[in-house]
PDB file of N, CA and C in Angstrom:
ATOM      1  N   MET A   1       0.748  -1.006  -0.085  1.00  0.00           N
ATOM      2  CA  MET A   1       0.089   0.134  -0.231  1.00  0.00           C
ATOM      3  C   MET A   1       0.968   1.340   0.056  1.00  0.00           C
ATOM      4  N   GLU A   2       1.961   1.268   0.854  1.00  0.00           N
ATOM      5  CA  GLU A   2       2.915   2.364   0.921  1.00  0.00           C
ATOM      6  C   GLU A   2       3.477   2.823  -0.610  1.00  0.00           C
ATOM      7  N   TRP A   3       4.038   1.440  -1.151  1.00  0.00           N
ATOM      8  CA  TRP A   3       4.620   1.806  -2.272  1.00  0.00           C
ATOM      9  C   TRP A   3       3.580   2.417  -3.333  1.00  0.00           C
ATOM     10  N   GLY A   4       2.510   2.345  -3.459  1.00  0.00           N
ATOM     11  CA  GLY A   4       1.801   3.059  -4.354  1.00  0.00           C
ATOM     12  C   GLY A   4       1.592   4.539  -3.876  1.00  0.00           C
ATOM     13  N   TYR A   5       1.663   4.638  -2.691  1.00  0.00           N
ATOM     14  CA  TYR A   5       1.667   6.356  -2.313  1.00  0.00           C
ATOM     15  C   TYR A   5       2.823   6.941  -2.832  1.00  0.00           C
ATOM     16  N   LYS A   6       3.660   6.325  -2.691  1.00  0.00           N
ATOM     17  CA  LYS A   6       5.166   6.860  -2.873  1.00  0.00           C
ATOM     18  C   LYS A   6       5.427   6.963  -4.623  1.00  0.00           C
ATOM     19  N   GLU A   7       4.915   6.046  -5.227  1.00  0.00           N
ATOM     20  CA  GLU A   7       4.849   6.070  -6.791  1.00  0.00           C
ATOM     21  C   GLU A   7       3.929   7.400  -7.228  1.00  0.00           C
ATOM     22  N   LEU A   8       2.583   7.022  -6.493  1.00  0.00           N
ATOM     23  CA  LEU A   8       1.691   8.235  -6.826  1.00  0.00           C
ATOM     24  C   LEU A   8       2.194   9.801  -6.425  1.00  0.00           C
ATOM     25  N   LYS A   9       2.881   9.837  -5.621  1.00  0.00           N
ATOM     26  CA  LYS A   9       3.319  11.373  -5.063  1.00  0.00           C
ATOM     27  C   LYS A   9       4.818  11.838  -5.907  1.00  0.00           C
ATOM     28  N   GLN A  10       5.350  10.790  -6.494  1.00  0.00           N
ATOM     29  CA  GLN A  10       6.452  11.199  -7.303  1.00  0.00           C
ATOM     30  C   GLN A  10       5.876  11.371  -8.761  1.00  0.00           C
ATOM     31  N   VAL A  11       5.031  10.556  -8.952  1.00  0.00           N
ATOM     32  CA  VAL A  11       4.318  11.175 -10.577  1.00  0.00           C
ATOM     33  C   VAL A  11       3.622  12.020 -10.612  1.00  0.00           C
ATOM     34  N   PHE A  12       2.946  12.450  -9.256  1.00  0.00           N
ATOM     35  CA  PHE A  12       2.027  13.478  -9.423  1.00  0.00           C
ATOM     36  C   PHE A  12       2.513  14.388  -8.296  1.00  0.00           C
ATOM     37  N   ALA A  13       3.405  15.238  -8.276  1.00  0.00           N
ATOM     38  CA  ALA A  13       4.106  15.918  -7.263  1.00  0.00           C
ATOM     39  C   ALA A  13       3.369  17.185  -6.688  1.00  0.00           C
ATOM     40  N   SER A  14       2.315  17.699  -7.347  1.00  0.00           N
ATOM     41  CA  SER A  14       1.682  18.473  -7.180  1.00  0.00           C
ATOM     42  C   SER A  14       0.511  18.104  -5.642  1.00  0.00           C
ATOM     43  N   LEU A  15       0.348  16.825  -5.766  1.00  0.00           N
ATOM     44  CA  LEU A  15      -0.429  15.971  -4.619  1.00  0.00           C
ATOM     45  C   LEU A  15       0.184  16.082  -3.433  1.00  0.00           C
ATOM     46  N   ASP A  16       1.502  16.480  -3.411  1.00  0.00           N
ATOM     47  CA  ASP A  16       2.339  16.582  -2.090  1.00  0.00           C
ATOM     48  C   ASP A  16       2.475  18.185  -1.831  1.00  0.00           C
ATOM     49  N   TYR A  17       2.082  19.049  -2.595  1.00  0.00           N
ATOM     50  CA  TYR A  17       2.497  20.339  -2.325  1.00  0.00           C
ATOM     51  C   TYR A  17       1.573  20.936  -1.531  1.00  0.00           C
ATOM     52  N   LYS A  18       1.808  21.123  -0.091  1.00  0.00           N
ATOM     53  CA  LYS A  18       0.597  21.502   0.669  1.00  0.00           C
ATOM     54  C   LYS A  18       0.184  22.829   0.469  1.00  0.00           C
ATOM     55  N   ARG A  19       0.946  23.847   0.058  1.00  0.00           N
ATOM     56  CA  ARG A  19       0.259  25.177  -0.473  1.00  0.00           C
ATOM     57  C   ARG A  19      -0.643  25.108  -1.485  1.00  0.00           C
ATOM     58  N   LYS A  20      -0.367  23.981  -2.344  1.00  0.00           N
ATOM     59  CA  LYS A  20      -1.305  24.101  -3.598  1.00  0.00           C
ATOM     60  C   LYS A  20      -2.715  23.427  -3.536  1.00  0.00           C
ATOM     61  N   LEU A  21      -2.812  22.710  -2.432  1.00  0.00           N
ATOM     62  CA  LEU A  21      -3.998  22.147  -1.954  1.00  0.00           C
ATOM     63  C   LEU A  21      -4.682  22.735  -0.781  1.00  0.00           C
ATOM     64  N   THR A  22      -4.746  23.870  -1.301  1.00  0.00           N
ATOM     65  CA  THR A  22      -5.684  24.435  -0.505  1.00  0.00           C
ATOM     66  C   THR A  22      -7.151  24.815  -0.463  1.00  0.00           C
ATOM     67  N   LEU A  23      -8.177  25.026   0.371  1.00  0.00           N
ATOM     68  CA  LEU A  23      -9.245  25.201   0.039  1.00  0.00           C
ATOM     69  C   LEU A  23      -9.679  26.294  -0.844  1.00  0.00           C
ATOM     70  N   ARG A  24     -10.513  26.216  -1.738  1.00  0.00           N
ATOM     71  CA  ARG A  24     -11.041  27.362  -2.623  1.00  0.00           C
ATOM     72  C   ARG A  24      -9.750  27.677  -3.338  1.00  0.00           C
ATOM     73  N   ASP A  25      -8.732  27.458  -3.849  1.00  0.00           N
ATOM     74  CA  ASP A  25      -7.652  27.476  -4.418  1.00  0.00           C
ATOM     75  C   ASP A  25      -8.013  26.618  -5.920  1.00  0.00           C
ATOM     76  N   GLY A  26      -8.764  25.490  -5.791  1.00  0.00           N
ATOM     77  CA  GLY A  26      -8.907  24.665  -6.920  1.00  0.00           C
ATOM     78  C   GLY A  26      -9.789  23.299  -6.228  1.00  0.00           C
ATOM     79  N   PRO A  27     -10.162  22.378  -7.309  1.00  0.00           N
ATOM     80  CA  PRO A  27     -10.555  21.469  -7.052  1.00  0.00           C
ATOM     81  C   PRO A  27      -9.961  20.287  -6.433  1.00  0.00           C
ATOM     82  N   CYS A  28      -9.157  20.580  -5.163  1.00  0.00           N
ATOM     83  CA  CYS A  28      -8.606  19.311  -4.635  1.00  0.00           C
ATOM     84  C   CYS A  28      -9.101  17.927  -4.273  1.00  0.00           C
ATOM     85  N   GLY A  29     -10.526  17.978  -3.766  1.00  0.00           N
ATOM     86  CA  GLY A  29     -10.810  16.938  -3.619  1.00  0.00           C
ATOM     87  C   GLY A  29     -11.318  15.892  -4.623  1.00  0.00           C
ATOM     88  N   LEU A  30     -10.895  16.577  -6.072  1.00  0.00           N
ATOM     89  CA  LEU A  30     -10.940  15.692  -7.358  1.00  0.00           C
ATOM     90  C   LEU A  30      -9.513  15.485  -7.822  1.00  0.00           C
ATOM     91  N   MET A  31      -8.370  16.168  -7.560  1.00  0.00           N
ATOM     92  CA  MET A  31      -7.651  15.764  -8.055  1.00  0.00           C
ATOM     93  C   MET A  31      -6.635  14.548  -7.700  1.00  0.00           C
ATOM     94  N   HIS A  32      -6.960  13.944  -6.318  1.00  0.00           N
ATOM     95  CA  HIS A  32      -6.545  12.790  -5.994  1.00  0.00           C
ATOM     96  C   HIS A  32      -7.115  11.587  -6.515  1.00  0.00           C
ATOM     97  N   PRO A  33      -8.281  11.571  -6.645  1.00  0.00           N
ATOM     98  CA  PRO A  33      -8.937  10.362  -7.533  1.00  0.00           C
ATOM     99  C   PRO A  33      -8.632  10.266  -8.959  1.00  0.00           C
ATOM    100  N   ALA A  34      -8.598  11.687  -9.406  1.00  0.00           N
ATOM    101  CA  ALA A  34      -8.116  11.858 -11.175  1.00  0.00           C
ATOM    102  C   ALA A  34      -6.738  11.051 -11.202  1.00  0.00           C
ATOM    103  N   ALA A  35      -5.615  11.405 -10.283  1.00  0.00           N
ATOM    104  CA  ALA A  35      -4.279  11.135 -10.096  1.00  0.00           C
ATOM    105  C   ALA A  35      -4.435   9.694 -10.123  1.00  0.00           C
ATOM    106  N   VAL A  36      -5.176   8.817  -9.170  1.00  0.00           N
ATOM    107  CA  VAL A  36      -5.136   7.613  -9.056  1.00  0.00           C
ATOM    108  C   VAL A  36      -5.932   6.982 -10.159  1.00  0.00           C
ATOM    109  N   LEU A  37      -6.845   7.283 -10.796  1.00  0.00           N
ATOM    110  CA  LEU A  37      -7.240   6.678 -12.066  1.00  0.00           C
ATOM    111  C   LEU A  37      -6.350   6.761 -13.191  1.00  0.00           C
ATOM    112  N   LEU A  38      -5.400   7.794 -13.384  1.00  0.00           N
ATOM    113  CA  LEU A  38      -4.488   7.968 -14.415  1.00  0.00           C
ATOM    114  C   LEU A  38      -3.198   6.957 -14.170  1.00  0.00           C
ATOM    115  N   TRP A  39      -2.894   6.972 -12.812  1.00  0.00           N
ATOM    116  CA  TRP A  39      -1.836   6.206 -12.153  1.00  0.00           C
ATOM    117  C   TRP A  39      -2.374   4.612 -12.502  1.00  0.00           C
ATOM    118  N   ASN A  40      -3.598   4.286 -11.862  1.00  0.00           N
ATOM    119  CA  ASN A  40      -3.902   2.643 -12.307  1.00  0.00           C
ATOM    120  C   ASN A  40      -3.870   2.462 -13.863  1.00  0.00           C
ATOM    121  N   VAL A  41      -4.535   3.315 -14.627  1.00  0.00           N
ATOM    122  CA  VAL A  41      -4.300   2.941 -16.269  1.00  0.00           C
ATOM    123  C   VAL A  41      -2.954   2.855 -16.611  1.00  0.00           C
ATOM    124  N   ARG A  42      -2.088   3.679 -16.005  1.00  0.00           N
ATOM    125  CA  ARG A  42      -0.719   3.675 -16.499  1.00  0.00           C
ATOM    126  C   ARG A  42      -0.091   1.906 -15.873  1.00  0.00           C
ATOM    127  N   CYS A  43      -0.345   1.444 -14.497  1.00  0.00           N
ATOM    128  CA  CYS A  43      -0.439   0.303 -14.051  1.00  0.00           C
ATOM    129  C   CYS A  43      -0.507  -0.934 -14.959  1.00  0.00           C
ATOM    130  N   CYS A  44      -1.608  -0.546 -15.486  1.00  0.00           N
ATOM    131  CA  CYS A  44      -2.096  -1.570 -16.521  1.00  0.00           C
ATOM    132  C   CYS A  44      -1.479  -1.678 -17.835  1.00  0.00           C
ATOM    133  N   LEU A  45      -1.005  -0.813 -18.201  1.00  0.00           N
ATOM    134  CA  LEU A  45      -0.206  -0.421 -19.695  1.00  0.00           C
ATOM    135  C   LEU A  45       1.315  -1.162 -19.227  1.00  0.00           C
ATOM    136  N   TYR A  46       1.975  -0.648 -17.972  1.00  0.00           N
ATOM    137  CA  TYR A  46       3.285  -0.630 -18.057  1.00  0.00           C
ATOM    138  C   TYR A  46       3.556  -1.406 -16.873  1.00  0.00           C
ATOM    139  N   GLY A  47       2.832  -2.038 -15.905  1.00  0.00           N
ATOM    140  CA  GLY A  47       3.233  -2.624 -14.934  1.00  0.00           C
ATOM    141  C   GLY A  47       3.672  -1.681 -13.772  1.00  0.00           C
ATOM    142  N   SER A  48       3.867  -2.313 -12.353  1.00  0.00           N
ATOM    143  CA  SER A  48       4.348  -1.427 -11.310  1.00  0.00           C
ATOM    144  C   SER A  48       5.231  -2.344 -10.531  1.00  0.00           C
ATOM    145  N   GLN A  49       5.943  -1.379  -9.471  1.00  0.00           N
ATOM    146  CA  GLN A  49       6.892  -1.934  -8.490  1.00  0.00           C
ATOM    147  C   GLN A  49       6.174  -2.883  -7.940  1.00  0.00           C
ATOM    148  N   THR A  50       5.393  -2.521  -7.352  1.00  0.00           N
ATOM    149  CA  THR A  50       4.191  -4.001  -6.545  1.00  0.00           C
ATOM    150  C   THR A  50       3.805  -5.215  -7.392  1.00  0.00           C
ATOM    151  N   SER A  51       3.378  -4.991  -8.519  1.00  0.00           N
ATOM    152  CA  SER A  51       3.234  -6.259  -9.215  1.00  0.00           C
ATOM    153  C   SER A  51       4.662  -6.802  -9.634  1.00  0.00           C
ATOM    154  N   GLN A  52       5.765  -6.190  -9.898  1.00  0.00           N
ATOM    155  CA  GLN A  52       7.023  -6.880  -9.852  1.00  0.00           C
ATOM    156  C   GLN A  52       7.399  -7.564  -8.872  1.00  0.00           C
ATOM    157  N   TYR A  53       7.156  -7.269  -7.977  1.00  0.00           N
ATOM    158  CA  TYR A  53       7.604  -7.547  -6.420  1.00  0.00           C
ATOM    159  C   TYR A  53       6.963  -8.949  -6.189  1.00  0.00           C
ATOM    160  N   PHE A  54       5.626  -8.980  -6.323  1.00  0.00           N
ATOM    161  CA  PHE A  54       4.921  -9.899  -5.801  1.00  0.00           C
ATOM    162  C   PHE A  54       4.489 -10.858  -7.245  1.00  0.00           C
ATOM    163  N   THR A  55       5.166 -10.579  -8.368  1.00  0.00           N
ATOM    164  CA  THR A  55       5.026 -11.575  -9.778  1.00  0.00           C
ATOM    165  C   THR A  55       3.741 -12.029  -9.958  1.00  0.00           C
ATOM    166  N   CYS A  56       2.920 -10.817 -10.194  1.00  0.00           N
ATOM    167  CA  CYS A  56       1.662 -10.943 -10.392  1.00  0.00           C
ATOM    168  C   CYS A  56       1.270  -9.651 -11.788  1.00  0.00           C
ATOM    169  N   GLU A  57       0.562 -10.229 -12.682  1.00  0.00           N
ATOM    170  CA  GLU A  57       0.372  -9.331 -13.702  1.00  0.00           C
ATOM    171  C   GLU A  57      -0.665  -8.294 -13.597  1.00  0.00           C
ATOM    172  N   PRO A  58      -0.871  -7.050 -13.479  1.00  0.00           N
ATOM    173  CA  PRO A  58      -1.893  -6.246 -13.600  1.00  0.00           C
ATOM    174  C   PRO A  58      -3.080  -6.555 -14.701  1.00  0.00           C
ATOM    175  N   PRO A  59      -4.178  -6.426 -14.578  1.00  0.00           N
ATOM    176  CA  PRO A  59      -5.083  -6.338 -15.420  1.00  0.00           C
ATOM    177  C   PRO A  59      -4.867  -5.810 -16.738  1.00  0.00           C
ATOM    178  N   SER A  60      -5.368  -6.462 -17.634  1.00  0.00           N
ATOM    179  CA  SER A  60      -5.484  -5.376 -19.119  1.00  0.00           C
ATOM    180  C   SER A  60      -6.367  -3.815 -18.905  1.00  0.00           C
ATOM    181  N   LEU A  61      -6.007  -3.242 -19.655  1.00  0.00           N
ATOM    182  CA  LEU A  61      -6.757  -1.878 -19.784  1.00  0.00           C
ATOM    183  C   LEU A  61      -8.242  -2.137 -19.842  1.00  0.00           C
ATOM    184  N   GLU A  62      -8.545  -3.104 -20.800  1.00  0.00           N
ATOM    185  CA  GLU A  62      -9.949  -3.172 -21.133  1.00  0.00           C
ATOM    186  C   GLU A  62     -10.929  -4.275 -19.660  1.00  0.00           C
ATOM    187  N   GLN A  63     -10.074  -4.770 -19.029  1.00  0.00           N
ATOM    188  CA  GLN A  63     -10.516  -5.536 -17.856  1.00  0.00           C
ATOM    189  C   GLN A  63     -10.673  -4.294 -16.776  1.00  0.00           C
ATOM    190  N   TYR A  64      -9.579  -3.413 -16.775  1.00  0.00           N
ATOM    191  CA  TYR A  64      -9.693  -2.631 -15.328  1.00  0.00           C
ATOM    192  C   TYR A  64     -10.763  -1.569 -15.813  1.00  0.00           C
ATOM    193  N   LEU A  65     -10.914  -1.326 -17.175  1.00  0.00           N
ATOM    194  CA  LEU A  65     -11.807  -0.160 -17.235  1.00  0.00           C
ATOM    195  C   LEU A  65     -13.269  -0.786 -17.691  1.00  0.00           C
ATOM    196  N   GLN A  66     -13.395  -1.938 -17.511  1.00  0.00           N
ATOM    197  CA  GLN A  66     -14.525  -3.037 -18.021  1.00  0.00           C
ATOM    198  C   GLN A  66     -15.240  -2.438 -19.170  1.00  0.00           C
ATOM    199  N   LEU A  67     -14.715  -2.361 -20.477  1.00  0.00           N
ATOM    200  CA  LEU A  67     -15.008  -2.128 -21.793  1.00  0.00           C
ATOM    201  C   LEU A  67     -15.495  -3.118 -22.570  1.00  0.00           C
TER     202      LEU A  67
END
């Protein structure tokens, strides 16, 4: 679980920038779910550190998005 947060913060650095995530400055409540969705799509396409460590294949993009 912690690896996912670490990787998410590395790729989407604005989620860890406290002055950027203040109320009434933007849709901070929507930024995290959108970043997680994009990160999961990336993991479906390229894999992740967690899937490599546990030697399990991530689902295909069609399975994840249930197309």
